[in-house]
Amino acid sequence: MRRRLGDIPGVVECRVVNRLNRFVVEVSLAGAFTRAHINNTGRLREYLVMGRKGYCVRNPPGRKTEYRLFAVEEDGLAALIDTQMQMMFFEKALSEKAIPWLGGCAISKRNVRLSSSLIDYLVTCTCGPMYLEVKSAVLRGDGGYAMYPDCPTLRGRHHVKTLMEHVSKGGYGAIVFIAALPHVKAFKPNVQGDPEMASLLRQASKAGVLLKAVRICYEPMSSTVWLEDPDLKVELDPGER
């Protein structure tokens, strides 16, 4: 059953014009052109297309851009492309015990150093402390899949290797893929985007790193973010979980 995680106030509709660099996209609001910040370093080629309807919020005063593009219309609802918002609503779901497999866990620290990596969370669970890394999966693959990554990611590979090493020494580690787009049936790695990452994830799963996915999406009509599936199926190979 879907669960309401929260509302996003002050949303304005826009149209995507052009991505200017990793962090800035040109948008049109009520016929006027302006620049909006994007908090996602993925390529997002399927979303940042001229004419695509998007959803913005105002940035606080003093920022280089007046607006922040956080979602793009997708399949009747919207993909929540903003990674900071994805993590904010993931934390909300965790704190409200809306993710059963994390029911005995609570966040202890954020941005925690583990070996030579910075991992998103250290969570305290009934089994003990667990390092947990979150990855954004907003690429829609054929067959109804949410996928990650959409381009080669050296940083992402390093995170996986660090967690594998930690687990090999008897610790606990997890990677959670946030499938922040509507109407997907499962998560799987994007082999075309980064073949090495896909291989590493299979190795990590066999080594004992917990690989999980949750599905959330943004509903523009109500300006609400919903938790659609707290335990979305993970497929590392066709037919394999």
Protein backbone atom coordinates (compact mmCIF):
# COMPACT_ATOMS: atom_id res chain seq x y z
CA MET A 1 0.00 0.00 0.00
CA ARG A 2 1.36 3.41 -0.95
CA ARG A 3 2.27 5.75 1.89
CA ARG A 4 2.29 9.52 1.93
CA LEU A 5 5.75 10.78 2.89
CA GLY A 6 5.14 14.52 2.65
CA ASP A 7 4.25 17.52 0.53
CA ILE A 8 6.48 19.95 -1.34
CA PRO A 9 5.16 23.52 -0.98
CA GLY A 10 5.54 26.41 -3.41
CA VAL A 11 5.90 24.33 -6.56
CA VAL A 12 5.79 26.06 -9.95
CA GLU A 13 5.50 24.34 -13.31
CA CYS A 14 8.16 24.95 -15.93
CA ARG A 15 9.39 23.66 -19.26
CA VAL A 16 12.89 22.35 -19.77
CA VAL A 17 14.85 24.31 -22.38
CA ASN A 18 18.45 23.14 -22.18
CA ARG A 19 20.98 21.74 -19.73
CA LEU A 20 23.81 24.26 -19.44
CA ASN A 21 26.20 22.27 -17.23
CA ARG A 22 26.17 19.58 -14.52
CA PHE A 23 24.31 21.79 -12.07
CA VAL A 24 22.28 24.27 -14.11
CA VAL A 25 19.43 23.89 -16.58
CA GLU A 26 17.62 26.61 -18.49
CA VAL A 27 13.86 26.51 -17.99
CA SER A 28 10.85 28.51 -19.12
CA LEU A 29 8.37 29.73 -16.48
CA ALA A 30 5.24 31.49 -17.74
CA GLY A 31 7.05 32.29 -20.97
CA ALA A 32 10.14 33.78 -19.31
CA PHE A 33 13.52 32.06 -19.46
CA THR A 34 15.55 31.55 -16.30
CA ARG A 35 18.16 29.22 -14.84
CA ALA A 36 17.43 26.50 -12.33
CA HIS A 37 19.75 24.40 -10.20
CA ILE A 38 19.66 20.61 -10.56
CA ASN A 39 20.89 18.46 -7.70
CA ASN A 40 21.78 15.37 -9.72
CA THR A 41 25.06 14.83 -11.58
CA GLY A 42 23.73 11.98 -13.75
CA ARG A 43 23.24 12.61 -17.44
CA LEU A 44 19.42 12.59 -17.18
CA ARG A 45 19.20 12.69 -20.96
CA GLU A 46 15.68 11.27 -21.03
CA TYR A 47 14.41 14.04 -18.71
CA LEU A 48 16.30 17.19 -19.63
CA VAL A 49 14.72 17.39 -23.07
CA MET A 50 13.45 20.63 -24.58
CA GLY A 51 9.75 21.06 -23.89
CA ARG A 52 9.51 18.46 -21.11
CA LYS A 53 7.31 19.62 -18.23
CA GLY A 54 9.18 20.08 -14.97
CA TYR A 55 8.53 21.22 -11.42
CA CYS A 56 10.57 23.85 -9.62
CA VAL A 57 10.78 25.43 -6.18
CA ARG A 58 12.38 28.76 -5.33
CA ASN A 59 15.88 28.77 -3.96
CA PRO A 60 16.67 30.77 -0.82
CA PRO A 61 17.93 34.34 -1.44
CA GLY A 62 21.59 34.63 -2.28
CA ARG A 63 21.81 31.53 -4.48
CA LYS A 64 23.20 31.78 -8.01
CA THR A 65 19.93 30.48 -9.46
CA GLU A 66 16.44 31.59 -8.45
CA TYR A 67 14.88 28.15 -8.88
CA ARG A 68 15.63 24.49 -8.32
CA LEU A 69 14.31 21.85 -10.74
CA PHE A 70 13.43 18.85 -8.61
CA ALA A 71 11.07 16.73 -10.72
CA VAL A 72 10.12 16.04 -14.33
CA GLU A 73 6.79 14.75 -15.60
CA GLU A 74 6.91 11.03 -16.24
CA ASP A 75 4.17 8.58 -17.15
CA GLY A 76 1.30 10.61 -15.68
CA LEU A 77 3.15 11.43 -12.44
CA ALA A 78 6.73 12.69 -12.07
CA ALA A 79 10.26 11.41 -11.54
CA LEU A 80 11.86 12.96 -8.46
CA ILE A 81 15.31 13.66 -9.91
CA ASP A 82 16.63 15.74 -7.00
CA THR A 83 18.97 13.47 -5.02
CA GLN A 84 18.81 15.61 -1.88
CA MET A 85 15.02 15.32 -1.81
CA GLN A 86 15.25 11.59 -2.50
CA MET A 87 17.42 11.17 0.58
CA MET A 88 15.22 13.46 2.67
CA PHE A 89 12.13 11.35 1.93
CA PHE A 90 14.07 8.11 2.37
CA GLU A 91 15.04 9.30 5.85
CA LYS A 92 11.41 10.16 6.52
CA ALA A 93 10.30 6.67 5.52
CA LEU A 94 13.00 5.09 7.68
CA SER A 95 12.15 7.22 10.72
CA GLU A 96 8.44 6.36 10.37
CA LYS A 97 9.24 2.61 10.20
CA ALA A 98 7.73 2.49 6.73
CA ILE A 99 10.52 0.27 5.38
CA PRO A 100 9.99 -3.13 7.03
CA TRP A 101 13.46 -4.52 6.33
CA LEU A 102 14.92 -1.44 8.12
CA GLY A 103 12.34 -1.57 10.89
CA GLY A 104 14.92 -2.15 13.60
CA CYS A 105 17.27 0.57 12.35
CA ALA A 106 17.83 4.25 13.07
CA ILE A 107 20.27 6.75 11.56
CA SER A 108 23.25 7.40 13.82
CA LYS A 109 25.41 9.55 11.53
CA ARG A 110 25.41 11.00 8.03
CA ASN A 111 28.35 11.23 5.62
CA VAL A 112 30.50 8.78 7.54
CA ARG A 113 34.10 7.96 6.67
CA LEU A 114 34.72 4.29 5.98
CA SER A 115 38.26 3.54 4.83
CA SER A 116 38.82 5.94 1.90
CA SER A 117 35.12 6.42 1.12
CA LEU A 118 32.44 8.74 2.45
CA ILE A 119 29.32 6.63 2.99
CA ASP A 120 25.87 8.25 3.25
CA TYR A 121 24.76 6.75 6.57
CA LEU A 122 25.79 4.79 9.59
CA VAL A 123 22.62 3.18 10.94
CA THR A 124 22.17 1.36 14.22
CA CYS A 125 20.21 -1.87 13.76
CA THR A 126 19.28 -4.80 15.94
CA CYS A 127 22.06 -6.76 14.23
CA GLY A 128 24.60 -4.02 14.96
CA PRO A 129 25.98 -0.94 13.17
CA MET A 130 25.55 -0.93 9.39
CA TYR A 131 27.03 1.35 6.74
CA LEU A 132 24.39 2.25 4.19
CA GLU A 133 24.94 3.95 0.84
CA VAL A 134 22.05 5.40 -1.19
CA LYS A 135 22.04 5.57 -4.99
CA SER A 136 19.58 7.39 -7.24
CA ALA A 137 17.89 5.18 -9.84
CA VAL A 138 15.77 7.38 -12.10
CA LEU A 139 16.73 5.87 -15.44
CA ARG A 140 13.78 3.98 -16.94
CA GLY A 141 14.87 0.82 -18.71
CA ASP A 142 12.97 -1.34 -21.15
CA GLY A 143 10.54 -3.76 -19.55
CA GLY A 144 9.57 -1.48 -16.65
CA TYR A 145 12.85 -1.28 -14.75
CA ALA A 146 14.41 1.50 -12.70
CA MET A 147 18.13 1.49 -13.41
CA TYR A 148 21.47 2.81 -12.13
CA PRO A 149 23.83 4.27 -13.23
CA ASP A 150 23.13 6.20 -16.42
CA CYS A 151 26.87 6.79 -17.01
CA PRO A 152 30.21 5.40 -15.73
CA THR A 153 30.75 6.23 -12.06
CA LEU A 154 34.19 5.83 -10.52
CA ARG A 155 32.91 7.16 -7.21
CA GLY A 156 30.06 4.65 -7.17
CA ARG A 157 32.40 1.75 -7.89
CA HIS A 158 34.65 2.85 -5.03
CA HIS A 159 31.68 2.86 -2.63
CA VAL A 160 30.78 -0.70 -3.59
CA LYS A 161 34.36 -1.93 -3.18
CA THR A 162 34.63 -0.23 0.23
CA LEU A 163 31.43 -1.87 1.47
CA MET A 164 32.55 -5.26 0.16
CA GLU A 165 35.82 -4.92 2.05
CA HIS A 166 33.98 -3.92 5.23
CA VAL A 167 31.61 -6.90 4.99
CA SER A 168 34.50 -9.27 4.30
CA LYS A 169 35.88 -8.27 7.72
CA GLY A 170 32.65 -9.17 9.48
CA GLY A 171 30.81 -5.84 9.30
CA TYR A 172 27.40 -4.99 7.86
CA GLY A 173 26.87 -2.96 4.71
CA ALA A 174 23.97 -2.10 2.42
CA ILE A 175 23.26 -0.23 -0.79
CA VAL A 176 19.75 1.15 -1.32
CA PHE A 177 18.64 2.20 -4.79
CA ILE A 178 15.97 4.86 -4.74
CA ALA A 179 13.77 4.21 -7.76
CA ALA A 180 12.25 7.69 -7.80
CA LEU A 181 9.97 7.28 -10.79
CA PRO A 182 6.46 5.89 -11.24
CA HIS A 183 5.25 2.56 -12.55
CA VAL A 184 8.38 0.40 -12.43
CA LYS A 185 8.31 -3.28 -11.48
CA ALA A 186 11.91 -3.79 -10.31
CA PHE A 187 15.43 -2.40 -10.14
CA LYS A 188 18.39 -3.69 -12.10
CA PRO A 189 21.88 -2.35 -12.88
CA ASN A 190 22.36 -0.55 -16.17
CA VAL A 191 24.98 -2.69 -17.88
CA GLN A 192 25.19 -0.31 -20.85
CA GLY A 193 25.80 2.67 -18.56
CA ASP A 194 28.61 1.04 -16.56
CA PRO A 195 29.41 -2.66 -17.16
CA GLU A 196 31.96 -2.71 -14.32
CA MET A 197 29.42 -1.39 -11.82
CA ALA A 198 26.93 -4.11 -12.82
CA SER A 199 29.61 -6.75 -12.24
CA LEU A 200 30.63 -5.21 -8.92
CA LEU A 201 27.05 -5.25 -7.66
CA ARG A 202 26.77 -8.96 -8.41
CA GLN A 203 30.02 -9.55 -6.56
CA ALA A 204 28.85 -7.40 -3.64
CA SER A 205 25.62 -9.34 -3.30
CA LYS A 206 27.50 -12.66 -3.24
CA ALA A 207 29.94 -11.21 -0.68
CA GLY A 208 27.09 -10.32 1.70
CA VAL A 209 26.41 -6.66 0.98
CA LEU A 210 22.66 -6.12 1.26
CA LEU A 211 21.24 -4.74 -2.00
CA LYS A 212 17.76 -3.25 -1.71
CA ALA A 213 15.53 -0.82 -3.59
CA VAL A 214 12.60 1.41 -2.66
CA ARG A 215 10.22 3.12 -5.06
CA ILE A 216 8.98 6.66 -4.52
CA CYS A 217 7.49 9.23 -6.85
CA TYR A 218 6.14 12.78 -6.95
CA GLU A 219 2.45 13.41 -7.62
CA PRO A 220 2.11 16.91 -9.13
CA MET A 221 -1.64 17.25 -8.63
CA SER A 222 -1.35 17.03 -4.84
CA SER A 223 2.33 18.09 -4.70
CA THR A 224 2.94 14.95 -2.65
CA VAL A 225 5.80 12.46 -2.50
CA TRP A 226 4.61 8.88 -2.09
CA LEU A 227 6.36 5.72 -0.99
CA GLU A 228 5.04 3.27 -3.56
CA ASP A 229 7.06 0.17 -2.65
CA PRO A 230 9.39 -0.12 0.36
CA ASP A 231 10.96 -3.34 -0.95
CA LEU A 232 11.12 -3.12 -4.73
CA LYS A 233 12.43 -6.26 -6.38
CA VAL A 234 16.15 -6.21 -7.21
CA GLU A 235 17.31 -8.16 -10.27
CA LEU A 236 21.05 -8.47 -10.80
CA ASP A 237 20.65 -10.82 -13.77
CA PRO A 238 17.51 -11.87 -15.65
CA GLY A 239 15.57 -13.99 -13.20
CA GLU A 240 18.07 -13.43 -10.38
CA ARG A 241 17.46 -11.46 -7.23
